């Protein structure tokens, strides 16, 4: 039986970071699954699905009724993919999950080769690696992050020009004070001194150089 034949069944998925997701399987694409958990539509890149199973009746804790108000980026007429979903989500308030610390709320500004530009009312303009995006949840019912008004979300929030690749975008920030990975520790906050052999040289607050592997950079924003 094909997986698409099981659409509408209850499923439990564990993604990177030991995050379990339980709900109804809504759709499957080439590199993306969609699950409805009773509240939100979660768009989950396949690469981060560590394991999954369909649930038996006695394993279902709560009966879920699929909302009549579908996700604003759901399209029955074409096969879904991560890039199509990100494109459809541009300008729509969304929740994204990248690190094990917290979700981010805001909207997508632009989509580049291997990263996208995200505007958060908390962190402002951010660069998010596509390789580390764990899920995306589009807002419904005209919600606004943190109850803010549209005035808090500028149409053109950044005067920066964006490089095509994540690595080159980080190179453009040499000499700037930045925060990597939403500041998960002191060693990811500082001034970029340079990039060599896929390692970023970062000068910390006390002037000590730290070298960060580019492959493990999930988010970037300037202070």
N, C-alpha and C. Protein backbone atom coordinates (compact mmCIF):
# COMPACT_ATOMS: atom_id res chain seq x y z
N UNK A 1 0.83 -1.19 0.00
CA UNK A 1 0.00 0.00 0.00
C UNK A 1 0.88 1.25 0.00
N UNK A 2 0.55 2.20 -0.87
CA UNK A 2 1.30 3.43 -0.94
C UNK A 2 0.95 4.31 0.27
N UNK A 3 1.93 5.13 0.67
CA UNK A 3 1.69 6.04 1.79
C UNK A 3 0.52 6.98 1.51
N UNK A 4 0.41 7.42 0.27
CA UNK A 4 -0.69 8.33 -0.05
C UNK A 4 -2.06 7.68 0.15
N UNK A 5 -2.10 6.35 0.11
CA UNK A 5 -3.37 5.66 0.36
C UNK A 5 -3.76 5.73 1.83
N UNK A 6 -2.84 6.13 2.69
CA UNK A 6 -3.11 6.21 4.13
C UNK A 6 -3.40 7.64 4.57
N UNK A 7 -3.51 8.55 3.62
CA UNK A 7 -3.89 9.92 3.97
C UNK A 7 -5.24 9.90 4.66
N UNK A 8 -5.35 10.64 5.76
CA UNK A 8 -6.57 10.62 6.57
C UNK A 8 -6.46 9.75 7.80
N UNK A 9 -5.35 8.99 7.90
CA UNK A 9 -5.10 8.15 9.07
C UNK A 9 -4.34 8.91 10.15
N UNK A 10 -4.49 8.44 11.39
CA UNK A 10 -3.74 9.01 12.51
C UNK A 10 -2.29 8.53 12.44
N UNK A 11 -1.37 9.46 12.72
CA UNK A 11 0.04 9.14 12.61
C UNK A 11 0.80 9.80 13.76
N UNK A 12 1.89 9.16 14.17
CA UNK A 12 2.79 9.75 15.16
C UNK A 12 4.17 9.83 14.53
N UNK A 13 4.72 11.03 14.51
CA UNK A 13 6.02 11.28 13.88
C UNK A 13 6.97 11.84 14.92
N UNK A 14 8.20 11.36 14.91
CA UNK A 14 9.24 11.97 15.74
C UNK A 14 10.23 12.64 14.82
N UNK A 15 10.47 13.92 15.05
CA UNK A 15 11.41 14.65 14.21
C UNK A 15 12.69 14.93 14.99
N UNK A 16 13.69 15.44 14.29
CA UNK A 16 14.97 15.77 14.91
C UNK A 16 14.75 16.65 16.13
N UNK A 17 15.47 16.35 17.20
CA UNK A 17 15.30 17.09 18.44
C UNK A 17 14.33 16.41 19.37
N UNK A 18 13.96 15.14 19.05
CA UNK A 18 13.04 14.35 19.89
C UNK A 18 11.70 15.03 20.08
N UNK A 19 11.20 15.64 19.01
CA UNK A 19 9.92 16.31 19.06
C UNK A 19 8.84 15.41 18.46
N UNK A 20 7.90 14.89 19.28
CA UNK A 20 6.84 14.05 18.72
C UNK A 20 5.69 14.89 18.19
N UNK A 21 5.13 14.46 17.08
CA UNK A 21 3.97 15.12 16.47
C UNK A 21 2.92 14.05 16.22
N UNK A 22 1.71 14.28 16.72
CA UNK A 22 0.62 13.34 16.53
C UNK A 22 -0.56 14.06 15.87
N UNK A 23 -1.16 13.42 14.88
CA UNK A 23 -2.30 14.03 14.22
C UNK A 23 -2.76 13.20 13.04
N UNK A 24 -3.46 13.84 12.13
CA UNK A 24 -3.97 13.18 10.94
C UNK A 24 -3.08 13.53 9.76
N UNK A 25 -2.65 12.52 9.03
CA UNK A 25 -1.84 12.73 7.84
C UNK A 25 -2.72 13.36 6.76
N UNK A 26 -2.32 14.55 6.30
CA UNK A 26 -3.12 15.31 5.34
C UNK A 26 -2.60 15.16 3.91
N UNK A 27 -1.27 15.17 3.77
CA UNK A 27 -0.69 15.07 2.43
C UNK A 27 0.77 14.66 2.54
N UNK A 28 1.29 14.12 1.44
CA UNK A 28 2.70 13.74 1.34
C UNK A 28 3.22 14.20 -0.01
N UNK A 29 4.36 14.90 0.02
CA UNK A 29 5.00 15.32 -1.22
C UNK A 29 6.38 14.70 -1.34
N UNK A 30 7.14 15.17 -2.28
CA UNK A 30 8.46 14.61 -2.54
C UNK A 30 9.42 14.81 -1.37
N UNK A 31 9.29 15.93 -0.67
CA UNK A 31 10.21 16.23 0.43
C UNK A 31 9.50 16.86 1.61
N UNK A 32 8.17 16.65 1.70
CA UNK A 32 7.38 17.33 2.73
C UNK A 32 6.14 16.52 3.08
N UNK A 33 5.83 16.44 4.37
CA UNK A 33 4.59 15.82 4.85
C UNK A 33 3.76 16.90 5.54
N UNK A 34 2.45 16.75 5.50
CA UNK A 34 1.55 17.68 6.18
C UNK A 34 0.72 16.88 7.18
N UNK A 35 0.70 17.36 8.43
CA UNK A 35 -0.07 16.71 9.51
C UNK A 35 -0.93 17.76 10.18
N UNK A 36 -2.19 17.41 10.43
CA UNK A 36 -3.09 18.29 11.18
C UNK A 36 -3.24 17.74 12.58
N UNK A 37 -2.90 18.53 13.60
CA UNK A 37 -2.90 18.04 14.99
C UNK A 37 -4.16 18.43 15.77
N UNK A 38 -5.15 18.94 15.07
CA UNK A 38 -6.38 19.37 15.72
C UNK A 38 -6.44 20.87 15.91
N UNK A 39 -5.29 21.53 15.76
CA UNK A 39 -5.20 22.98 15.92
C UNK A 39 -4.50 23.63 14.74
N UNK A 40 -3.42 23.00 14.29
CA UNK A 40 -2.58 23.59 13.25
C UNK A 40 -2.24 22.56 12.18
N UNK A 41 -1.93 23.09 10.98
CA UNK A 41 -1.35 22.28 9.92
C UNK A 41 0.17 22.43 10.00
N UNK A 42 0.85 21.31 10.21
CA UNK A 42 2.30 21.32 10.31
C UNK A 42 2.89 20.80 9.01
N UNK A 43 3.74 21.61 8.39
CA UNK A 43 4.45 21.22 7.17
C UNK A 43 5.85 20.77 7.60
N UNK A 44 6.14 19.49 7.43
CA UNK A 44 7.34 18.88 8.01
C UNK A 44 8.27 18.38 6.91
N UNK A 45 9.46 18.95 6.76
CA UNK A 45 10.41 18.43 5.77
C UNK A 45 10.77 16.97 6.07
N UNK A 46 10.71 16.13 5.05
CA UNK A 46 10.94 14.70 5.22
C UNK A 46 12.30 14.39 5.82
N UNK A 47 13.31 15.21 5.50
CA UNK A 47 14.67 14.94 5.96
C UNK A 47 14.77 14.92 7.48
N UNK A 48 13.84 15.58 8.18
CA UNK A 48 13.91 15.64 9.64
C UNK A 48 13.00 14.62 10.33
N UNK A 49 12.32 13.78 9.55
CA UNK A 49 11.49 12.73 10.14
C UNK A 49 12.39 11.57 10.52
N UNK A 50 12.53 11.32 11.83
CA UNK A 50 13.42 10.25 12.29
C UNK A 50 12.70 8.90 12.32
N UNK A 51 11.44 8.90 12.74
CA UNK A 51 10.64 7.68 12.68
C UNK A 51 9.17 8.05 12.74
N UNK A 52 8.31 7.12 12.35
CA UNK A 52 6.86 7.39 12.35
C UNK A 52 6.12 6.06 12.38
N UNK A 53 4.86 6.13 12.79
CA UNK A 53 4.00 4.95 12.72
C UNK A 53 2.54 5.41 12.67
N UNK A 54 1.72 4.61 12.01
CA UNK A 54 0.28 4.86 12.03
C UNK A 54 -0.27 4.31 13.34
N UNK A 55 -1.20 5.04 13.94
CA UNK A 55 -1.73 4.69 15.25
C UNK A 55 -2.94 3.78 15.13
N UNK A 56 -3.02 2.82 16.05
CA UNK A 56 -4.22 1.99 16.17
C UNK A 56 -5.27 2.74 16.97
N UNK A 57 -6.49 2.27 16.91
CA UNK A 57 -7.60 2.95 17.59
C UNK A 57 -7.31 3.14 19.07
N UNK A 58 -6.76 2.11 19.73
CA UNK A 58 -6.52 2.22 21.17
C UNK A 58 -5.31 3.09 21.51
N UNK A 59 -4.59 3.56 20.50
CA UNK A 59 -3.44 4.43 20.73
C UNK A 59 -3.79 5.90 20.52
N UNK A 60 -5.01 6.18 20.10
CA UNK A 60 -5.43 7.55 19.83
C UNK A 60 -5.98 8.17 21.11
N UNK A 61 -5.31 9.21 21.59
CA UNK A 61 -5.71 9.86 22.84
C UNK A 61 -6.88 10.81 22.64
N UNK A 62 -6.96 11.42 21.48
CA UNK A 62 -7.98 12.44 21.24
C UNK A 62 -8.46 12.36 19.80
N UNK A 63 -9.77 12.33 19.61
CA UNK A 63 -10.33 12.31 18.26
C UNK A 63 -10.18 13.70 17.65
N UNK A 64 -9.65 13.74 16.44
CA UNK A 64 -9.41 15.00 15.75
C UNK A 64 -10.39 15.16 14.60
N UNK A 65 -11.02 16.30 14.55
CA UNK A 65 -11.88 16.64 13.42
C UNK A 65 -11.14 17.64 12.54
N UNK A 66 -10.96 17.28 11.29
CA UNK A 66 -10.23 18.17 10.38
C UNK A 66 -11.04 19.44 10.18
N UNK A 67 -10.40 20.57 10.38
CA UNK A 67 -11.07 21.86 10.31
C UNK A 67 -11.59 22.15 8.90
N UNK A 68 -12.78 22.76 8.83
CA UNK A 68 -13.32 23.19 7.54
C UNK A 68 -12.48 24.33 6.97
N UNK A 69 -11.84 25.07 7.87
CA UNK A 69 -10.98 26.16 7.42
C UNK A 69 -9.59 25.60 7.16
N UNK A 70 -9.32 25.31 5.90
CA UNK A 70 -8.06 24.68 5.56
C UNK A 70 -6.89 25.65 5.72
N UNK A 71 -5.71 25.06 5.74
CA UNK A 71 -4.51 25.87 5.79
C UNK A 71 -4.51 26.84 4.60
N UNK A 72 -4.08 28.09 4.82
CA UNK A 72 -4.08 29.07 3.73
C UNK A 72 -3.12 28.74 2.60
N UNK A 73 -2.23 27.76 2.80
CA UNK A 73 -1.29 27.40 1.73
C UNK A 73 -1.51 25.97 1.25
N UNK A 74 -2.64 25.39 1.57
CA UNK A 74 -2.92 24.01 1.16
C UNK A 74 -3.52 24.01 -0.24
N UNK A 75 -3.05 23.12 -1.10
CA UNK A 75 -3.54 23.07 -2.48
C UNK A 75 -3.71 21.61 -2.89
N UNK A 76 -4.95 21.20 -3.11
CA UNK A 76 -5.23 19.82 -3.50
C UNK A 76 -4.79 19.51 -4.93
N UNK A 77 -4.57 20.55 -5.73
CA UNK A 77 -4.44 20.35 -7.17
C UNK A 77 -3.01 20.10 -7.64
N UNK A 78 -2.04 20.17 -6.76
CA UNK A 78 -0.67 19.91 -7.19
C UNK A 78 0.11 19.26 -6.06
N UNK A 79 1.15 18.54 -6.43
CA UNK A 79 1.97 17.87 -5.43
C UNK A 79 2.74 18.90 -4.62
N UNK A 80 2.73 18.72 -3.31
CA UNK A 80 3.41 19.67 -2.45
C UNK A 80 4.92 19.43 -2.44
N UNK A 81 5.66 20.47 -2.14
CA UNK A 81 7.09 20.38 -1.93
C UNK A 81 7.48 21.49 -0.97
N UNK A 82 8.66 21.39 -0.40
CA UNK A 82 9.11 22.40 0.56
C UNK A 82 9.21 23.77 -0.11
N UNK A 83 9.82 23.83 -1.28
CA UNK A 83 10.01 25.14 -1.92
C UNK A 83 8.67 25.75 -2.34
N UNK A 84 7.76 24.95 -2.86
CA UNK A 84 6.43 25.47 -3.21
C UNK A 84 5.71 25.99 -1.97
N UNK A 85 5.85 25.27 -0.87
CA UNK A 85 5.18 25.67 0.37
C UNK A 85 5.75 26.97 0.90
N UNK A 86 7.07 27.11 0.89
CA UNK A 86 7.69 28.34 1.35
C UNK A 86 7.27 29.52 0.46
N UNK A 87 7.19 29.28 -0.84
CA UNK A 87 6.78 30.34 -1.76
C UNK A 87 5.34 30.76 -1.47
N UNK A 88 4.46 29.77 -1.26
CA UNK A 88 3.06 30.07 -0.97
C UNK A 88 2.90 30.78 0.37
N UNK A 89 3.85 30.55 1.29
CA UNK A 89 3.76 31.12 2.63
C UNK A 89 4.34 32.53 2.72
N UNK A 90 4.95 33.03 1.66
CA UNK A 90 5.54 34.37 1.71
C UNK A 90 4.48 35.40 2.10
N UNK A 91 4.81 36.21 3.11
CA UNK A 91 3.90 37.26 3.53
C UNK A 91 2.80 36.81 4.46
N UNK A 92 2.68 35.49 4.70
CA UNK A 92 1.66 34.98 5.62
C UNK A 92 2.31 34.78 6.99
N UNK A 93 1.64 35.20 8.05
CA UNK A 93 2.20 34.98 9.39
C UNK A 93 2.33 33.48 9.65
N UNK A 94 3.51 33.09 10.10
CA UNK A 94 3.80 31.68 10.29
C UNK A 94 4.60 31.47 11.57
N UNK A 95 4.55 30.23 12.03
CA UNK A 95 5.44 29.76 13.08
C UNK A 95 6.42 28.79 12.43
N UNK A 96 7.70 28.97 12.69
CA UNK A 96 8.69 28.02 12.21
C UNK A 96 9.49 27.49 13.40
N UNK A 97 9.91 26.26 13.27
CA UNK A 97 10.70 25.64 14.33
C UNK A 97 12.03 25.22 13.72
N UNK A 98 13.11 25.73 14.32
CA UNK A 98 14.45 25.47 13.78
C UNK A 98 15.37 24.87 14.83
N UNK A 99 15.37 25.44 16.04
CA UNK A 99 16.25 24.95 17.09
C UNK A 99 15.43 24.30 18.19
N UNK A 100 16.12 23.62 19.09
CA UNK A 100 15.44 22.92 20.18
C UNK A 100 14.97 23.86 21.29
N UNK A 101 15.32 25.15 21.17
CA UNK A 101 14.98 26.09 22.23
C UNK A 101 13.57 26.65 22.09
N UNK A 102 13.23 27.12 20.89
CA UNK A 102 11.97 27.83 20.75
C UNK A 102 11.55 27.94 19.30
N UNK A 103 10.26 28.19 19.11
CA UNK A 103 9.74 28.46 17.78
C UNK A 103 9.91 29.95 17.47
N UNK A 104 9.88 30.28 16.18
CA UNK A 104 9.96 31.66 15.74
C UNK A 104 8.65 32.04 15.07
N UNK A 105 8.23 33.29 15.23
CA UNK A 105 6.97 33.75 14.68
C UNK A 105 7.21 35.00 13.85
N UNK A 106 6.60 35.04 12.67
CA UNK A 106 6.77 36.18 11.78
C UNK A 106 6.32 35.82 10.39
N UNK A 107 7.07 36.26 9.36
CA UNK A 107 6.69 35.91 8.00
C UNK A 107 7.93 35.85 7.11
N UNK A 108 7.83 35.06 6.05
CA UNK A 108 8.92 34.89 5.10
C UNK A 108 8.96 36.08 4.15
N UNK A 109 10.17 36.63 3.97
CA UNK A 109 10.37 37.76 3.06
C UNK A 109 10.81 37.27 1.69
N UNK A 110 11.80 36.38 1.68
CA UNK A 110 12.38 35.95 0.41
C UNK A 110 12.95 34.55 0.57
N UNK A 111 13.01 33.80 -0.54
CA UNK A 111 13.52 32.43 -0.53
C UNK A 111 14.69 32.36 -1.49
N UNK A 112 15.84 31.96 -0.97
CA UNK A 112 17.05 31.89 -1.77
C UNK A 112 17.39 30.42 -2.04
N UNK A 113 18.62 30.14 -2.48
CA UNK A 113 18.97 28.77 -2.88
C UNK A 113 18.88 27.77 -1.74
N UNK A 114 19.52 28.07 -0.61
CA UNK A 114 19.55 27.11 0.50
C UNK A 114 19.22 27.76 1.84
N UNK A 115 18.55 28.91 1.78
CA UNK A 115 18.08 29.56 3.00
C UNK A 115 16.92 30.46 2.65
N UNK A 116 16.24 30.96 3.67
CA UNK A 116 15.20 31.95 3.42
C UNK A 116 15.34 33.09 4.42
N UNK A 117 14.78 34.23 4.04
CA UNK A 117 14.83 35.43 4.88
C UNK A 117 13.50 35.54 5.60
N UNK A 118 13.56 35.70 6.91
CA UNK A 118 12.39 35.68 7.77
C UNK A 118 12.36 36.95 8.60
N UNK A 119 11.19 37.55 8.74
CA UNK A 119 11.07 38.73 9.60
C UNK A 119 10.33 38.35 10.88
N UNK A 120 10.98 38.57 12.00
CA UNK A 120 10.40 38.32 13.32
C UNK A 120 10.28 39.65 14.06
N UNK A 121 9.13 39.93 14.68
CA UNK A 121 9.02 41.17 15.45
C UNK A 121 9.97 41.21 16.65
N UNK A 122 10.46 40.05 17.06
CA UNK A 122 11.40 39.98 18.19
C UNK A 122 12.84 40.14 17.70
N UNK A 123 13.22 39.37 16.68
CA UNK A 123 14.62 39.33 16.23
C UNK A 123 14.87 40.13 14.95
N UNK A 124 13.81 40.69 14.36
CA UNK A 124 13.88 41.46 13.11
C UNK A 124 14.30 40.53 11.95
N UNK A 125 15.14 41.03 11.02
CA UNK A 125 15.46 40.23 9.84
C UNK A 125 16.39 39.08 10.21
N UNK A 126 16.00 37.88 9.80
CA UNK A 126 16.77 36.67 10.13
C UNK A 126 17.03 35.87 8.85
N UNK A 127 18.14 35.16 8.85
CA UNK A 127 18.46 34.24 7.77
C UNK A 127 18.37 32.83 8.32
N UNK A 128 17.54 32.00 7.69
CA UNK A 128 17.25 30.66 8.21
C UNK A 128 17.71 29.60 7.21
N UNK A 129 18.58 28.70 7.65
CA UNK A 129 19.05 27.63 6.78
C UNK A 129 17.92 26.66 6.46
N UNK A 130 17.71 26.37 5.17
CA UNK A 130 16.69 25.40 4.78
C UNK A 130 16.99 24.01 5.34
N UNK A 131 18.28 23.71 5.50
CA UNK A 131 18.67 22.38 5.99
C UNK A 131 18.21 22.13 7.42
N UNK A 132 17.92 23.20 8.16
CA UNK A 132 17.60 23.04 9.58
C UNK A 132 16.15 23.37 9.91
N UNK A 133 15.33 23.66 8.90
CA UNK A 133 13.92 23.94 9.16
C UNK A 133 13.21 22.63 9.50
N UNK A 134 12.62 22.55 10.71
CA UNK A 134 11.96 21.32 11.16
C UNK A 134 10.47 21.30 10.83
N UNK A 135 9.82 22.45 10.96
CA UNK A 135 8.42 22.53 10.54
C UNK A 135 8.03 23.98 10.30
N UNK A 136 6.91 24.13 9.59
CA UNK A 136 6.31 25.44 9.34
C UNK A 136 4.82 25.32 9.58
N UNK A 137 4.25 26.27 10.32
CA UNK A 137 2.81 26.29 10.62
C UNK A 137 2.26 27.64 10.18
N UNK A 138 1.41 27.69 9.15
CA UNK A 138 0.79 28.97 8.77
C UNK A 138 -0.30 29.35 9.75
N UNK A 139 -0.36 30.63 10.09
CA UNK A 139 -1.43 31.12 10.95
C UNK A 139 -2.77 31.09 10.19
N UNK A 140 -3.84 30.98 10.93
CA UNK A 140 -5.19 31.07 10.36
C UNK A 140 -5.98 32.14 11.14
N UNK A 141 -7.20 32.40 10.69
CA UNK A 141 -8.11 33.32 11.39
C UNK A 141 -7.54 34.72 11.57
N UNK A 142 -6.70 35.16 10.62
CA UNK A 142 -6.15 36.53 10.68
C UNK A 142 -5.42 36.82 11.99
N UNK A 143 -4.79 35.80 12.54
CA UNK A 143 -4.01 36.00 13.77
C UNK A 143 -2.79 36.86 13.48
N UNK A 144 -2.27 37.50 14.53
CA UNK A 144 -1.04 38.28 14.46
C UNK A 144 -0.12 37.80 15.57
N UNK A 145 1.16 37.61 15.30
CA UNK A 145 2.08 37.22 16.37
C UNK A 145 2.05 38.21 17.52
N UNK A 146 1.94 37.70 18.72
CA UNK A 146 1.99 38.49 19.95
C UNK A 146 0.87 39.52 20.03
N UNK A 147 -0.18 39.35 19.23
CA UNK A 147 -1.30 40.30 19.25
C UNK A 147 -0.96 41.67 18.69
N UNK A 148 0.13 41.76 17.92
CA UNK A 148 0.56 43.05 17.37
C UNK A 148 -0.32 43.44 16.18
N UNK A 149 -0.30 44.72 15.85
CA UNK A 149 -1.05 45.21 14.70
C UNK A 149 -0.16 45.16 13.46
N UNK A 150 -0.78 45.37 12.29
CA UNK A 150 -0.02 45.36 11.04
C UNK A 150 1.07 46.42 11.02
N UNK A 151 0.89 47.49 11.79
CA UNK A 151 1.88 48.56 11.82
C UNK A 151 3.23 48.08 12.34
N UNK A 152 3.21 46.97 13.08
CA UNK A 152 4.45 46.42 13.63
C UNK A 152 5.19 45.54 12.63
N UNK A 153 4.60 45.36 11.45
CA UNK A 153 5.20 44.48 10.45
C UNK A 153 5.41 45.26 9.15
N UNK A 154 6.58 45.87 8.99
CA UNK A 154 6.82 46.71 7.80
C UNK A 154 6.78 45.90 6.51
N UNK A 155 6.33 46.54 5.45
CA UNK A 155 6.26 45.88 4.15
C UNK A 155 7.65 45.56 3.63
N UNK A 156 8.59 46.48 3.81
CA UNK A 156 9.98 46.27 3.41
C UNK A 156 10.87 46.38 4.65
N UNK A 157 10.95 45.30 5.42
CA UNK A 157 11.62 45.39 6.72
C UNK A 157 13.14 45.45 6.66
N UNK A 158 13.74 45.23 5.50
CA UNK A 158 15.20 45.22 5.45
C UNK A 158 15.70 45.94 4.22
N UNK A 159 16.72 46.76 4.42
CA UNK A 159 17.35 47.45 3.29
C UNK A 159 18.49 46.62 2.71
N UNK A 160 18.72 45.43 3.27
CA UNK A 160 19.82 44.58 2.83
C UNK A 160 19.49 43.95 1.48
N UNK A 161 20.54 43.69 0.70
CA UNK A 161 20.39 42.83 -0.47
C UNK A 161 20.84 41.44 -0.07
N UNK A 162 20.17 40.42 -0.60
CA UNK A 162 20.40 39.06 -0.14
C UNK A 162 21.20 38.26 -1.16
N UNK A 163 22.21 37.54 -0.67
CA UNK A 163 23.01 36.67 -1.53
C UNK A 163 22.21 35.42 -1.87
N UNK A 164 22.61 34.74 -2.94
CA UNK A 164 21.86 33.55 -3.35
C UNK A 164 22.07 32.38 -2.39
N UNK A 165 23.23 32.30 -1.76
CA UNK A 165 23.50 31.16 -0.87
C UNK A 165 23.70 31.62 0.58
N UNK A 166 23.43 30.73 1.50
CA UNK A 166 23.55 30.99 2.93
C UNK A 166 24.99 31.36 3.29
N UNK A 167 25.94 30.62 2.71
CA UNK A 167 27.35 30.83 3.04
C UNK A 167 27.80 32.23 2.60
N UNK A 168 27.41 32.63 1.39
CA UNK A 168 27.81 33.96 0.89
C UNK A 168 27.11 35.06 1.68
N UNK A 169 25.87 34.82 2.11
CA UNK A 169 25.17 35.82 2.93
C UNK A 169 25.91 36.04 4.24
N UNK A 170 26.41 34.98 4.84
CA UNK A 170 27.17 35.12 6.09
C UNK A 170 28.48 35.87 5.82
N UNK A 171 29.12 35.60 4.68
CA UNK A 171 30.34 36.32 4.32
C UNK A 171 30.09 37.82 4.24
N UNK A 172 28.91 38.20 3.77
CA UNK A 172 28.57 39.63 3.66
C UNK A 172 28.48 40.30 5.02
N UNK A 173 28.40 39.49 6.09
CA UNK A 173 28.25 40.04 7.43
C UNK A 173 29.58 40.11 8.19
N UNK A 174 30.68 39.84 7.50
CA UNK A 174 31.99 39.96 8.16
C UNK A 174 32.16 41.38 8.70
N UNK A 175 32.57 41.47 9.96
CA UNK A 175 32.74 42.75 10.63
C UNK A 175 31.52 43.20 11.41
N UNK A 176 30.41 42.47 11.26
CA UNK A 176 29.17 42.82 11.95
C UNK A 176 29.00 42.03 13.25
N UNK A 177 28.29 42.63 14.20
CA UNK A 177 27.89 41.91 15.41
C UNK A 177 26.64 41.10 15.08
N UNK A 178 26.71 39.80 15.32
CA UNK A 178 25.59 38.94 14.94
C UNK A 178 25.29 37.92 16.06
N UNK A 179 24.15 37.29 15.91
CA UNK A 179 23.74 36.20 16.80
C UNK A 179 23.41 34.99 15.93
N UNK A 180 24.07 33.88 16.18
CA UNK A 180 23.76 32.63 15.50
C UNK A 180 22.83 31.79 16.38
N UNK A 181 22.00 30.98 15.74
CA UNK A 181 21.19 29.97 16.44
C UNK A 181 20.41 30.54 17.62
N UNK A 182 19.86 31.72 17.43
CA UNK A 182 19.03 32.42 18.42
C UNK A 182 19.75 32.55 19.76
N UNK A 183 21.08 32.63 19.72
CA UNK A 183 21.85 32.88 20.94
C UNK A 183 21.78 31.77 21.95
N UNK A 184 21.86 30.51 21.48
CA UNK A 184 21.70 29.38 22.41
C UNK A 184 22.82 29.29 23.45
N UNK A 185 23.97 29.92 23.19
CA UNK A 185 25.02 30.02 24.21
C UNK A 185 25.93 31.19 23.85
N UNK A 186 26.85 31.53 24.76
CA UNK A 186 27.71 32.71 24.57
C UNK A 186 28.64 32.59 23.38
N UNK A 187 28.92 31.36 22.95
CA UNK A 187 29.87 31.15 21.87
C UNK A 187 29.28 31.37 20.48
N UNK A 188 28.02 31.76 20.39
CA UNK A 188 27.41 32.01 19.07
C UNK A 188 27.00 33.47 18.93
N UNK A 189 27.52 34.32 19.81
CA UNK A 189 27.22 35.75 19.76
C UNK A 189 28.54 36.51 19.68
N UNK A 190 28.67 37.38 18.69
CA UNK A 190 29.91 38.15 18.59
C UNK A 190 30.07 38.78 17.22
N UNK A 191 31.32 39.14 16.89
CA UNK A 191 31.63 39.78 15.62
C UNK A 191 32.29 38.78 14.68
N UNK A 192 31.79 38.70 13.46
CA UNK A 192 32.37 37.78 12.48
C UNK A 192 33.70 38.37 11.98
N UNK A 193 34.76 37.59 12.17
CA UNK A 193 36.09 38.01 11.72
C UNK A 193 36.40 37.52 10.32
N UNK A 194 35.88 36.34 9.99
CA UNK A 194 36.17 35.79 8.67
C UNK A 194 35.63 34.37 8.57
N UNK A 195 35.73 33.79 7.37
CA UNK A 195 35.29 32.42 7.11
C UNK A 195 36.37 31.72 6.31
N UNK A 196 36.77 30.52 6.77
CA UNK A 196 37.79 29.75 6.07
C UNK A 196 37.57 28.28 6.30
N UNK A 197 37.63 27.51 5.24
CA UNK A 197 37.48 26.04 5.31
C UNK A 197 36.19 25.64 6.02
N UNK A 198 35.10 26.37 5.70
CA UNK A 198 33.76 26.08 6.25
C UNK A 198 33.66 26.32 7.75
N UNK A 199 34.56 27.10 8.31
CA UNK A 199 34.46 27.50 9.71
C UNK A 199 34.41 29.03 9.80
N UNK A 200 33.53 29.51 10.66
CA UNK A 200 33.39 30.95 10.88
C UNK A 200 34.23 31.33 12.09
N UNK A 201 35.08 32.33 11.94
CA UNK A 201 35.81 32.86 13.09
C UNK A 201 34.98 33.97 13.71
N UNK A 202 34.61 33.77 14.96
CA UNK A 202 33.75 34.70 15.68
C UNK A 202 34.49 35.24 16.89
N UNK A 203 34.48 36.55 17.05
CA UNK A 203 35.12 37.16 18.21
C UNK A 203 34.04 37.40 19.27
N UNK A 204 34.18 36.75 20.43
CA UNK A 204 33.18 36.84 21.49
C UNK A 204 33.32 38.15 22.27
N UNK A 205 32.43 38.35 23.23
CA UNK A 205 32.40 39.60 24.00
C UNK A 205 33.73 39.90 24.68
N UNK A 206 34.44 38.85 25.13
CA UNK A 206 35.71 39.03 25.82
C UNK A 206 36.90 39.02 24.87
N UNK A 207 36.62 39.04 23.56
CA UNK A 207 37.69 39.11 22.58
C UNK A 207 38.33 37.78 22.25
N UNK A 208 37.71 36.68 22.67
CA UNK A 208 38.27 35.36 22.38
C UNK A 208 37.70 34.84 21.05
N UNK A 209 38.57 34.33 20.16
CA UNK A 209 38.07 33.78 18.91
C UNK A 209 37.45 32.39 19.12
N UNK A 210 36.31 32.17 18.50
CA UNK A 210 35.65 30.87 18.49
C UNK A 210 35.40 30.50 17.04
N UNK A 211 35.52 29.22 16.71
CA UNK A 211 35.36 28.78 15.33
C UNK A 211 34.14 27.88 15.22
N UNK A 212 33.18 28.30 14.38
CA UNK A 212 31.89 27.63 14.27
C UNK A 212 31.77 26.95 12.91
N UNK A 213 31.32 25.71 12.92
CA UNK A 213 31.12 24.97 11.69
C UNK A 213 29.89 25.52 10.95
N UNK A 214 30.09 25.93 9.71
CA UNK A 214 28.99 26.49 8.92
C UNK A 214 27.80 25.54 8.81
N UNK A 215 28.08 24.24 8.76
CA UNK A 215 27.01 23.25 8.59
C UNK A 215 26.06 23.21 9.78
N UNK A 216 26.50 23.74 10.92
CA UNK A 216 25.67 23.71 12.12
C UNK A 216 25.03 25.07 12.44
N UNK A 217 25.14 25.99 11.51
CA UNK A 217 24.49 27.30 11.67
C UNK A 217 23.06 27.19 11.18
N UNK A 218 22.11 27.46 12.07
CA UNK A 218 20.69 27.30 11.75
C UNK A 218 20.03 28.64 11.45
N UNK A 219 20.31 29.63 12.30
CA UNK A 219 19.73 30.97 12.11
C UNK A 219 20.81 32.03 12.30
N UNK A 220 20.61 33.15 11.64
CA UNK A 220 21.52 34.30 11.77
C UNK A 220 20.68 35.56 11.87
N UNK A 221 20.98 36.41 12.84
CA UNK A 221 20.41 37.75 12.84
C UNK A 221 21.40 38.71 13.46
N UNK A 222 21.31 39.96 13.05
CA UNK A 222 22.22 40.98 13.56
C UNK A 222 21.67 41.60 14.84
N UNK A 223 22.56 42.06 15.69
CA UNK A 223 22.16 42.66 16.96
C UNK A 223 21.67 44.08 16.72
